[in-house]
N, C-alpha and C. Protein backbone atom coordinates (compact mmCIF):
# COMPACT_ATOMS: atom_id res chain seq x y z
N MET A 1 86.85 102.75 93.37
CA MET A 1 86.84 101.31 93.23
C MET A 1 88.26 100.77 93.03
N TRP A 2 89.09 101.47 92.25
CA TRP A 2 90.46 101.02 92.02
C TRP A 2 91.28 100.97 93.30
N PRO A 3 91.15 101.96 94.19
CA PRO A 3 91.90 101.85 95.44
C PRO A 3 91.50 100.61 96.26
N LEU A 4 90.22 100.27 96.23
CA LEU A 4 89.77 99.07 96.93
C LEU A 4 90.38 97.80 96.33
N LEU A 5 90.44 97.75 95.03
CA LEU A 5 91.04 96.58 94.38
C LEU A 5 92.53 96.49 94.66
N ALA A 6 93.22 97.63 94.66
CA ALA A 6 94.65 97.64 95.00
C ALA A 6 94.86 97.21 96.45
N LEU A 7 94.02 97.72 97.34
CA LEU A 7 94.11 97.35 98.75
C LEU A 7 93.86 95.86 98.92
N SER A 8 92.88 95.34 98.21
CA SER A 8 92.57 93.91 98.28
C SER A 8 93.75 93.07 97.79
N GLY A 9 94.36 93.48 96.70
CA GLY A 9 95.53 92.75 96.19
C GLY A 9 96.67 92.75 97.18
N TRP A 10 96.93 93.90 97.78
CA TRP A 10 98.00 94.02 98.77
C TRP A 10 97.69 93.15 99.98
N LEU A 11 96.45 93.23 100.46
CA LEU A 11 96.03 92.46 101.63
C LEU A 11 96.22 90.96 101.39
N TRP A 12 95.71 90.46 100.26
CA TRP A 12 95.78 89.02 100.02
C TRP A 12 97.18 88.55 99.67
N PHE A 13 98.00 89.42 99.10
CA PHE A 13 99.40 89.06 98.91
C PHE A 13 100.06 88.83 100.27
N LEU A 14 99.84 89.76 101.22
CA LEU A 14 100.44 89.61 102.55
C LEU A 14 99.89 88.39 103.29
N VAL A 15 98.59 88.14 103.16
CA VAL A 15 97.99 86.97 103.82
C VAL A 15 98.63 85.69 103.28
N LEU A 16 98.72 85.56 101.98
CA LEU A 16 99.30 84.35 101.39
C LEU A 16 100.79 84.22 101.72
N TYR A 17 101.50 85.34 101.71
CA TYR A 17 102.92 85.33 102.06
C TYR A 17 103.12 84.85 103.50
N LYS A 18 102.34 85.41 104.42
CA LYS A 18 102.48 85.04 105.84
C LYS A 18 102.05 83.60 106.07
N ALA A 19 100.98 83.16 105.41
CA ALA A 19 100.53 81.78 105.57
C ALA A 19 101.59 80.81 105.04
N ALA A 20 102.19 81.11 103.90
CA ALA A 20 103.25 80.26 103.35
C ALA A 20 104.45 80.24 104.28
N TRP A 21 104.80 81.39 104.84
CA TRP A 21 105.93 81.46 105.78
C TRP A 21 105.65 80.59 107.00
N LEU A 22 104.43 80.68 107.54
CA LEU A 22 104.09 79.88 108.72
C LEU A 22 104.13 78.39 108.41
N LEU A 23 103.64 77.99 107.25
CA LEU A 23 103.70 76.57 106.88
C LEU A 23 105.14 76.08 106.76
N ARG A 24 105.98 76.88 106.13
CA ARG A 24 107.39 76.50 105.97
C ARG A 24 108.08 76.40 107.32
N VAL A 25 107.81 77.35 108.19
CA VAL A 25 108.45 77.37 109.51
C VAL A 25 108.01 76.15 110.32
N ARG A 26 106.73 75.82 110.26
CA ARG A 26 106.24 74.66 111.02
C ARG A 26 106.88 73.35 110.54
N ARG A 27 107.12 73.25 109.24
CA ARG A 27 107.74 72.03 108.70
C ARG A 27 109.21 71.90 109.08
N GLU A 28 109.88 73.03 109.27
CA GLU A 28 111.33 73.01 109.46
C GLU A 28 111.75 73.34 110.88
N GLU A 29 110.87 73.12 111.84
CA GLU A 29 111.19 73.45 113.23
C GLU A 29 112.26 72.52 113.79
N LEU A 30 113.13 73.09 114.59
CA LEU A 30 114.12 72.31 115.33
C LEU A 30 113.51 71.88 116.65
N ASP A 31 113.89 70.71 117.13
CA ASP A 31 113.50 70.36 118.49
C ASP A 31 114.72 70.55 119.39
N PRO A 32 114.51 70.56 120.71
CA PRO A 32 115.64 70.84 121.61
C PRO A 32 116.82 69.89 121.44
N SER A 33 116.57 68.62 121.12
CA SER A 33 117.70 67.69 120.95
C SER A 33 118.55 68.07 119.73
N GLN A 34 117.91 68.53 118.67
CA GLN A 34 118.67 69.00 117.51
C GLN A 34 119.48 70.25 117.86
N ALA A 35 118.89 71.11 118.69
CA ALA A 35 119.60 72.33 119.10
C ALA A 35 120.82 71.97 119.94
N VAL A 36 120.67 71.01 120.84
CA VAL A 36 121.80 70.60 121.67
C VAL A 36 122.90 70.00 120.79
N ALA A 37 122.51 69.21 119.78
CA ALA A 37 123.50 68.66 118.86
C ALA A 37 124.25 69.78 118.14
N CYS A 38 123.54 70.82 117.77
CA CYS A 38 124.19 71.98 117.14
C CYS A 38 125.14 72.66 118.13
N LEU A 39 124.69 72.80 119.37
CA LEU A 39 125.52 73.46 120.38
C LEU A 39 126.77 72.66 120.69
N LEU A 40 126.67 71.35 120.59
CA LEU A 40 127.84 70.50 120.84
C LEU A 40 128.73 70.40 119.61
N GLY A 41 128.31 71.02 118.52
CA GLY A 41 129.13 71.03 117.32
C GLY A 41 128.95 69.82 116.44
N ARG A 42 127.92 69.02 116.70
CA ARG A 42 127.71 67.82 115.90
C ARG A 42 126.91 68.08 114.62
N ALA A 43 126.21 69.19 114.57
CA ALA A 43 125.38 69.48 113.40
C ALA A 43 125.34 70.98 113.19
N ALA A 44 125.13 71.38 111.97
CA ALA A 44 125.00 72.81 111.66
C ALA A 44 123.53 73.21 111.79
N PRO A 45 123.26 74.38 112.34
CA PRO A 45 121.87 74.80 112.49
C PRO A 45 121.26 75.15 111.13
N ALA A 46 119.97 74.91 111.04
CA ALA A 46 119.23 75.31 109.84
C ALA A 46 118.39 76.53 110.20
N PRO A 47 118.82 77.72 109.80
CA PRO A 47 118.13 78.93 110.25
C PRO A 47 116.84 79.22 109.48
N ALA A 48 116.05 78.18 109.18
CA ALA A 48 114.83 78.37 108.39
C ALA A 48 113.73 79.05 109.19
N GLY A 49 113.57 78.69 110.43
CA GLY A 49 112.51 79.26 111.24
C GLY A 49 113.08 80.07 112.38
N PRO A 50 112.21 80.53 113.27
CA PRO A 50 112.70 81.34 114.38
C PRO A 50 113.62 80.56 115.32
N ARG A 51 113.36 79.27 115.50
CA ARG A 51 114.25 78.48 116.36
C ARG A 51 115.64 78.37 115.75
N GLY A 52 115.70 78.03 114.48
CA GLY A 52 116.99 77.92 113.80
C GLY A 52 117.70 79.25 113.71
N ALA A 53 116.93 80.31 113.48
CA ALA A 53 117.54 81.65 113.40
C ALA A 53 118.10 82.07 114.75
N ALA A 54 117.37 81.76 115.83
CA ALA A 54 117.88 82.08 117.17
C ALA A 54 119.16 81.31 117.46
N LEU A 55 119.16 80.04 117.08
CA LEU A 55 120.35 79.21 117.31
C LEU A 55 121.53 79.71 116.48
N ALA A 56 121.29 80.04 115.23
CA ALA A 56 122.37 80.55 114.37
C ALA A 56 122.92 81.87 114.92
N HIS A 57 122.02 82.74 115.38
CA HIS A 57 122.47 84.02 115.96
C HIS A 57 123.29 83.77 117.23
N PHE A 58 122.81 82.86 118.05
CA PHE A 58 123.52 82.54 119.30
C PHE A 58 124.91 81.99 119.00
N LEU A 59 125.00 81.06 118.06
CA LEU A 59 126.29 80.45 117.75
C LEU A 59 127.26 81.45 117.12
N GLY A 60 126.73 82.50 116.50
CA GLY A 60 127.58 83.51 115.88
C GLY A 60 128.04 84.60 116.82
N GLN A 61 127.64 84.55 118.08
CA GLN A 61 128.01 85.59 119.04
C GLN A 61 129.45 85.41 119.50
N PRO A 62 130.23 86.49 119.48
CA PRO A 62 131.59 86.40 120.03
C PRO A 62 131.53 86.42 121.56
N GLY A 63 132.53 85.87 122.17
CA GLY A 63 132.64 85.93 123.63
C GLY A 63 131.71 84.99 124.36
N ARG A 64 131.31 83.93 123.69
CA ARG A 64 130.44 82.97 124.37
C ARG A 64 131.26 82.17 125.37
N GLY A 65 130.63 81.86 126.46
CA GLY A 65 131.26 81.04 127.48
C GLY A 65 130.19 80.54 128.42
N PRO A 66 130.49 79.58 129.27
CA PRO A 66 129.47 79.02 130.15
C PRO A 66 128.72 80.07 130.97
N ARG A 67 129.39 81.13 131.37
CA ARG A 67 128.73 82.12 132.23
C ARG A 67 127.85 83.10 131.45
N SER A 68 128.18 83.35 130.20
CA SER A 68 127.40 84.33 129.43
C SER A 68 126.41 83.69 128.46
N ASP A 69 126.46 82.37 128.32
CA ASP A 69 125.64 81.72 127.31
C ASP A 69 124.14 81.92 127.52
N ARG A 70 123.66 81.80 128.74
CA ARG A 70 122.21 81.94 128.97
C ARG A 70 121.73 83.33 128.59
N ARG A 71 122.49 84.35 128.95
CA ARG A 71 122.11 85.73 128.61
C ARG A 71 122.12 85.92 127.10
N LEU A 72 123.15 85.42 126.43
CA LEU A 72 123.22 85.54 124.97
C LEU A 72 122.10 84.75 124.29
N TRP A 73 121.75 83.59 124.86
CA TRP A 73 120.67 82.79 124.30
C TRP A 73 119.33 83.53 124.41
N GLN A 74 119.06 84.11 125.56
CA GLN A 74 117.81 84.86 125.74
C GLN A 74 117.74 86.03 124.77
N ALA A 75 118.85 86.71 124.55
CA ALA A 75 118.87 87.83 123.60
C ALA A 75 118.62 87.33 122.17
N ALA A 76 119.19 86.18 121.83
CA ALA A 76 119.00 85.63 120.48
C ALA A 76 117.54 85.24 120.25
N VAL A 77 116.90 84.71 121.27
CA VAL A 77 115.48 84.33 121.15
C VAL A 77 114.61 85.58 121.05
N ARG A 78 114.90 86.59 121.86
CA ARG A 78 114.11 87.83 121.82
C ARG A 78 114.17 88.50 120.44
N ARG A 79 115.28 88.35 119.76
CA ARG A 79 115.43 88.96 118.43
C ARG A 79 114.45 88.37 117.41
N GLN A 80 113.89 87.21 117.69
CA GLN A 80 112.99 86.56 116.73
C GLN A 80 111.57 87.10 116.80
N GLY A 81 111.23 87.80 117.87
CA GLY A 81 109.86 88.32 118.04
C GLY A 81 109.35 89.15 116.88
N PRO A 82 110.09 90.16 116.43
CA PRO A 82 109.58 90.98 115.32
C PRO A 82 109.34 90.18 114.03
N ASP A 83 110.16 89.17 113.76
CA ASP A 83 109.94 88.37 112.55
C ASP A 83 108.65 87.57 112.64
N LEU A 84 108.33 87.11 113.84
CA LEU A 84 107.09 86.35 114.01
C LEU A 84 105.87 87.20 113.68
N TRP A 85 105.87 88.43 114.14
CA TRP A 85 104.69 89.30 114.02
C TRP A 85 104.69 90.16 112.76
N ARG A 86 105.75 90.07 111.96
CA ARG A 86 105.85 90.90 110.75
C ARG A 86 104.63 90.69 109.85
N HIS A 87 104.10 91.76 109.34
CA HIS A 87 102.98 91.85 108.39
C HIS A 87 101.60 91.66 109.02
N LEU A 88 101.49 91.16 110.25
CA LEU A 88 100.16 90.93 110.81
C LEU A 88 99.41 92.23 111.07
N ASP A 89 100.08 93.22 111.62
CA ASP A 89 99.41 94.51 111.84
C ASP A 89 98.97 95.12 110.52
N THR A 90 99.80 95.00 109.50
CA THR A 90 99.45 95.55 108.19
C THR A 90 98.22 94.85 107.63
N ILE A 91 98.15 93.54 107.77
CA ILE A 91 96.99 92.78 107.29
C ILE A 91 95.72 93.26 107.98
N LEU A 92 95.78 93.40 109.30
CA LEU A 92 94.59 93.82 110.05
C LEU A 92 94.21 95.27 109.75
N VAL A 93 95.18 96.14 109.55
CA VAL A 93 94.87 97.53 109.21
C VAL A 93 94.25 97.61 107.82
N LEU A 94 94.79 96.88 106.86
CA LEU A 94 94.22 96.90 105.51
C LEU A 94 92.79 96.38 105.52
N ALA A 95 92.54 95.33 106.30
CA ALA A 95 91.17 94.80 106.39
C ALA A 95 90.24 95.81 107.06
N ALA A 96 90.74 96.57 108.01
CA ALA A 96 89.91 97.57 108.68
C ALA A 96 89.67 98.80 107.80
N VAL A 97 90.60 99.11 106.92
CA VAL A 97 90.47 100.29 106.05
C VAL A 97 89.52 100.01 104.88
N ALA A 98 89.39 98.76 104.46
CA ALA A 98 88.57 98.43 103.29
C ALA A 98 87.13 98.95 103.40
N PRO A 99 86.42 98.74 104.51
CA PRO A 99 85.05 99.27 104.55
C PRO A 99 85.02 100.80 104.55
N LEU A 100 86.08 101.43 105.06
CA LEU A 100 86.12 102.90 105.02
C LEU A 100 86.26 103.40 103.59
N LEU A 101 87.08 102.70 102.79
CA LEU A 101 87.17 103.06 101.37
C LEU A 101 85.84 102.80 100.67
N GLY A 102 85.16 101.72 101.06
CA GLY A 102 83.83 101.46 100.52
C GLY A 102 82.85 102.56 100.88
N LEU A 103 82.96 103.04 102.10
CA LEU A 103 82.09 104.14 102.54
C LEU A 103 82.40 105.41 101.77
N LEU A 104 83.67 105.64 101.49
CA LEU A 104 84.04 106.80 100.68
C LEU A 104 83.42 106.71 99.29
N GLY A 105 83.43 105.51 98.71
CA GLY A 105 82.77 105.31 97.43
C GLY A 105 81.27 105.52 97.51
N THR A 106 80.68 105.14 98.65
CA THR A 106 79.25 105.36 98.86
C THR A 106 78.94 106.85 98.86
N VAL A 107 79.73 107.59 99.59
CA VAL A 107 79.52 109.04 99.66
C VAL A 107 79.70 109.67 98.28
N THR A 108 80.72 109.24 97.55
CA THR A 108 80.96 109.77 96.21
C THR A 108 79.77 109.45 95.29
N GLY A 109 79.27 108.22 95.36
CA GLY A 109 78.11 107.84 94.54
C GLY A 109 76.86 108.63 94.88
N MET A 110 76.66 108.88 96.17
CA MET A 110 75.47 109.65 96.57
C MET A 110 75.62 111.12 96.15
N ILE A 111 76.81 111.65 96.23
CA ILE A 111 77.03 113.04 95.76
C ILE A 111 76.73 113.12 94.26
N GLN A 112 77.19 112.10 93.52
CA GLN A 112 76.91 112.06 92.09
C GLN A 112 75.40 112.01 91.85
N THR A 113 74.69 111.23 92.63
CA THR A 113 73.23 111.13 92.50
C THR A 113 72.57 112.47 92.79
N PHE A 114 73.02 113.15 93.83
CA PHE A 114 72.43 114.46 94.16
C PHE A 114 72.72 115.50 93.08
N HIS A 115 73.88 115.41 92.44
CA HIS A 115 74.17 116.32 91.32
C HIS A 115 73.20 116.08 90.16
N VAL A 116 72.92 114.81 89.89
CA VAL A 116 71.97 114.48 88.82
C VAL A 116 70.59 115.02 89.17
N ILE A 117 70.18 114.86 90.42
CA ILE A 117 68.87 115.37 90.85
C ILE A 117 68.84 116.89 90.72
N ALA A 118 69.94 117.54 91.11
CA ALA A 118 69.99 119.00 91.02
C ALA A 118 69.95 119.47 89.57
N ASP A 119 70.60 118.73 88.67
CA ASP A 119 70.65 119.14 87.27
C ASP A 119 69.40 118.78 86.48
N PHE A 120 68.86 117.58 86.71
CA PHE A 120 67.77 117.09 85.87
C PHE A 120 66.48 116.83 86.64
N GLY A 121 66.50 116.97 87.95
CA GLY A 121 65.33 116.62 88.75
C GLY A 121 65.28 115.11 88.93
N THR A 122 64.15 114.63 89.36
CA THR A 122 64.02 113.19 89.61
C THR A 122 63.53 112.44 88.38
N GLY A 123 63.43 113.13 87.27
CA GLY A 123 62.91 112.50 86.06
C GLY A 123 63.91 111.63 85.34
N ASN A 124 65.20 111.76 85.59
CA ASN A 124 66.21 110.97 84.88
C ASN A 124 66.68 109.82 85.78
N ALA A 125 65.87 108.78 85.81
CA ALA A 125 66.14 107.65 86.71
C ALA A 125 67.43 106.92 86.34
N GLN A 126 67.74 106.84 85.07
CA GLN A 126 68.95 106.13 84.64
C GLN A 126 70.21 106.83 85.14
N ALA A 127 70.25 108.14 85.08
CA ALA A 127 71.41 108.88 85.56
C ALA A 127 71.53 108.76 87.08
N MET A 128 70.39 108.79 87.77
CA MET A 128 70.42 108.63 89.24
C MET A 128 70.89 107.23 89.61
N ALA A 129 70.47 106.24 88.83
CA ALA A 129 70.83 104.85 89.14
C ALA A 129 72.34 104.63 89.06
N ALA A 130 73.02 105.36 88.19
CA ALA A 130 74.48 105.20 88.09
C ALA A 130 75.17 105.57 89.39
N GLY A 131 74.75 106.67 90.01
CA GLY A 131 75.34 107.08 91.28
C GLY A 131 75.00 106.12 92.41
N ILE A 132 73.75 105.67 92.42
CA ILE A 132 73.33 104.71 93.46
C ILE A 132 74.08 103.39 93.27
N ARG A 133 74.24 102.98 92.02
CA ARG A 133 74.98 101.75 91.72
C ARG A 133 76.41 101.85 92.24
N GLN A 134 77.07 102.98 91.98
CA GLN A 134 78.43 103.17 92.46
C GLN A 134 78.46 103.09 93.98
N ALA A 135 77.50 103.70 94.63
CA ALA A 135 77.45 103.70 96.09
C ALA A 135 77.33 102.28 96.63
N LEU A 136 76.45 101.50 96.05
CA LEU A 136 76.22 100.14 96.55
C LEU A 136 77.39 99.20 96.24
N ILE A 137 77.95 99.32 95.05
CA ILE A 137 79.04 98.42 94.67
C ILE A 137 80.28 98.67 95.52
N THR A 138 80.61 99.92 95.78
CA THR A 138 81.81 100.18 96.59
C THR A 138 81.61 99.75 98.04
N THR A 139 80.39 99.92 98.55
CA THR A 139 80.11 99.45 99.91
C THR A 139 80.26 97.93 99.98
N GLU A 140 79.66 97.25 99.02
CA GLU A 140 79.74 95.79 98.99
C GLU A 140 81.18 95.32 98.84
N THR A 141 81.92 95.94 97.95
CA THR A 141 83.31 95.54 97.73
C THR A 141 84.15 95.75 98.99
N GLY A 142 83.94 96.87 99.66
CA GLY A 142 84.66 97.12 100.91
C GLY A 142 84.41 96.05 101.94
N LEU A 143 83.15 95.63 102.05
CA LEU A 143 82.82 94.57 103.01
C LEU A 143 83.35 93.21 102.56
N LEU A 144 83.31 92.96 101.25
CA LEU A 144 83.82 91.68 100.74
C LEU A 144 85.33 91.56 100.92
N VAL A 145 86.02 92.67 100.97
CA VAL A 145 87.46 92.65 101.24
C VAL A 145 87.71 92.54 102.75
N ALA A 146 86.94 93.30 103.53
CA ALA A 146 87.21 93.42 104.96
C ALA A 146 86.89 92.15 105.75
N ILE A 147 85.74 91.56 105.51
CA ILE A 147 85.31 90.44 106.36
C ILE A 147 86.26 89.25 106.25
N PRO A 148 86.55 88.74 105.04
CA PRO A 148 87.52 87.64 104.99
C PRO A 148 88.94 88.07 105.39
N GLY A 149 89.28 89.34 105.13
CA GLY A 149 90.61 89.83 105.52
C GLY A 149 90.80 89.83 107.02
N LEU A 150 89.77 90.29 107.75
CA LEU A 150 89.85 90.26 109.22
C LEU A 150 89.92 88.83 109.72
N PHE A 151 89.11 87.95 109.15
CA PHE A 151 89.13 86.55 109.54
C PHE A 151 90.52 85.95 109.32
N ALA A 152 91.08 86.16 108.14
CA ALA A 152 92.41 85.63 107.83
C ALA A 152 93.46 86.22 108.77
N GLY A 153 93.37 87.51 109.06
CA GLY A 153 94.32 88.15 109.96
C GLY A 153 94.29 87.55 111.35
N TYR A 154 93.08 87.28 111.86
CA TYR A 154 92.98 86.70 113.20
C TYR A 154 93.42 85.24 113.23
N VAL A 155 93.16 84.50 112.15
CA VAL A 155 93.65 83.11 112.08
C VAL A 155 95.18 83.11 112.07
N LEU A 156 95.77 83.98 111.27
CA LEU A 156 97.24 84.06 111.22
C LEU A 156 97.81 84.50 112.56
N ARG A 157 97.14 85.43 113.22
CA ARG A 157 97.61 85.88 114.53
C ARG A 157 97.60 84.74 115.54
N ARG A 158 96.54 83.92 115.50
CA ARG A 158 96.47 82.77 116.40
C ARG A 158 97.61 81.79 116.12
N GLN A 159 97.92 81.57 114.84
CA GLN A 159 99.02 80.68 114.48
C GLN A 159 100.37 81.22 114.95
N VAL A 160 100.54 82.53 114.84
CA VAL A 160 101.80 83.14 115.30
C VAL A 160 101.92 83.01 116.81
N ARG A 161 100.81 83.17 117.53
CA ARG A 161 100.86 82.99 119.00
C ARG A 161 101.29 81.57 119.35
N LYS A 162 100.74 80.58 118.64
CA LYS A 162 101.15 79.19 118.90
C LYS A 162 102.64 79.00 118.61
N LEU A 163 103.09 79.59 117.52
CA LEU A 163 104.51 79.50 117.16
C LEU A 163 105.37 80.17 118.22
N GLN A 164 104.91 81.30 118.73
CA GLN A 164 105.65 82.02 119.77
C GLN A 164 105.70 81.20 121.06
N GLN A 165 104.60 80.55 121.41
CA GLN A 165 104.60 79.70 122.60
C GLN A 165 105.57 78.52 122.42
N GLY A 166 105.58 77.94 121.22
CA GLY A 166 106.52 76.85 120.94
C GLY A 166 107.97 77.32 121.03
N LEU A 167 108.23 78.53 120.53
CA LEU A 167 109.57 79.10 120.61
C LEU A 167 109.96 79.32 122.07
N HIS A 168 109.01 79.76 122.88
CA HIS A 168 109.29 79.98 124.30
C HIS A 168 109.65 78.66 124.99
N GLY A 169 108.88 77.59 124.72
CA GLY A 169 109.18 76.28 125.30
C GLY A 169 110.53 75.76 124.84
N PHE A 170 110.82 75.93 123.56
CA PHE A 170 112.11 75.53 123.00
C PHE A 170 113.24 76.29 123.68
N ALA A 171 113.05 77.60 123.84
CA ALA A 171 114.08 78.45 124.47
C ALA A 171 114.33 78.01 125.90
N GLN A 172 113.27 77.66 126.62
CA GLN A 172 113.45 77.22 128.01
C GLN A 172 114.21 75.90 128.07
N ALA A 173 113.91 74.98 127.15
CA ALA A 173 114.61 73.69 127.14
C ALA A 173 116.10 73.89 126.86
N VAL A 174 116.42 74.73 125.91
CA VAL A 174 117.84 75.00 125.60
C VAL A 174 118.49 75.73 126.77
N ALA A 175 117.76 76.65 127.40
CA ALA A 175 118.31 77.38 128.56
C ALA A 175 118.61 76.42 129.71
N ARG A 176 117.74 75.42 129.91
CA ARG A 176 118.00 74.42 130.96
C ARG A 176 119.29 73.65 130.65
N TRP A 177 119.49 73.30 129.38
CA TRP A 177 120.71 72.60 129.01
C TRP A 177 121.93 73.49 129.24
N LEU A 178 121.82 74.77 128.86
CA LEU A 178 122.93 75.71 129.08
C LEU A 178 123.22 75.87 130.57
N ARG A 179 122.16 75.91 131.39
CA ARG A 179 122.34 76.05 132.84
C ARG A 179 123.04 74.82 133.40
N SER A 180 122.65 73.63 132.93
CA SER A 180 123.31 72.41 133.43
C SER A 180 124.78 72.38 133.02
N ARG A 181 125.07 72.88 131.83
CA ARG A 181 126.46 72.95 131.38
C ARG A 181 127.24 73.96 132.21
N GLU A 182 126.58 75.08 132.54
CA GLU A 182 127.22 76.12 133.37
C GLU A 182 127.52 75.57 134.77
N GLU A 183 126.56 74.82 135.32
CA GLU A 183 126.77 74.25 136.66
C GLU A 183 127.87 73.19 136.64
N ALA A 184 127.96 72.45 135.55
CA ALA A 184 129.01 71.44 135.44
C ALA A 184 130.39 72.08 135.31
N ALA A 185 130.44 73.30 134.74
CA ALA A 185 131.72 74.00 134.57
C ALA A 185 132.23 74.59 135.88
N CYS A 186 131.33 74.79 136.84
CA CYS A 186 131.74 75.41 138.11
C CYS A 186 132.45 74.47 139.02
């Protein structure tokens, strides 16, 4: 039972952490016009979210020039991918492991029940009930952790996909501006 409670605590800590991160990132998103202002040197980038972090990484690259900017920009945007997906696999794995730990508790409880039957026969109902109780409680706890955990994991994954699509659109808009600047330099 204790491993299930520890797993549940870890799972919900990660869910709340990722949800808070997504809320903060959505509030602090840069739009392409803000990015262009940063690129023109009129404003400093705010690296709060993946867009700002990509812009800050891009601006910090040595050897930038009209011909290499698009390539450096694409590399800066690609670097944001792992941060977007961080902790989601762990959340889904923890939610998937919870019913297995519950099943392990079920097996342990049933083994305990069979030991009682072997030692005392079927006449000691109270001792048998303790093993059956353990089996049922761990199964229930495993499911109570897993079902909402899987739901939360998939909701967070959908939000990350939306964020990734927004980052892709943002990256394309900035790349178009960089391309127009490159063409003007030729």
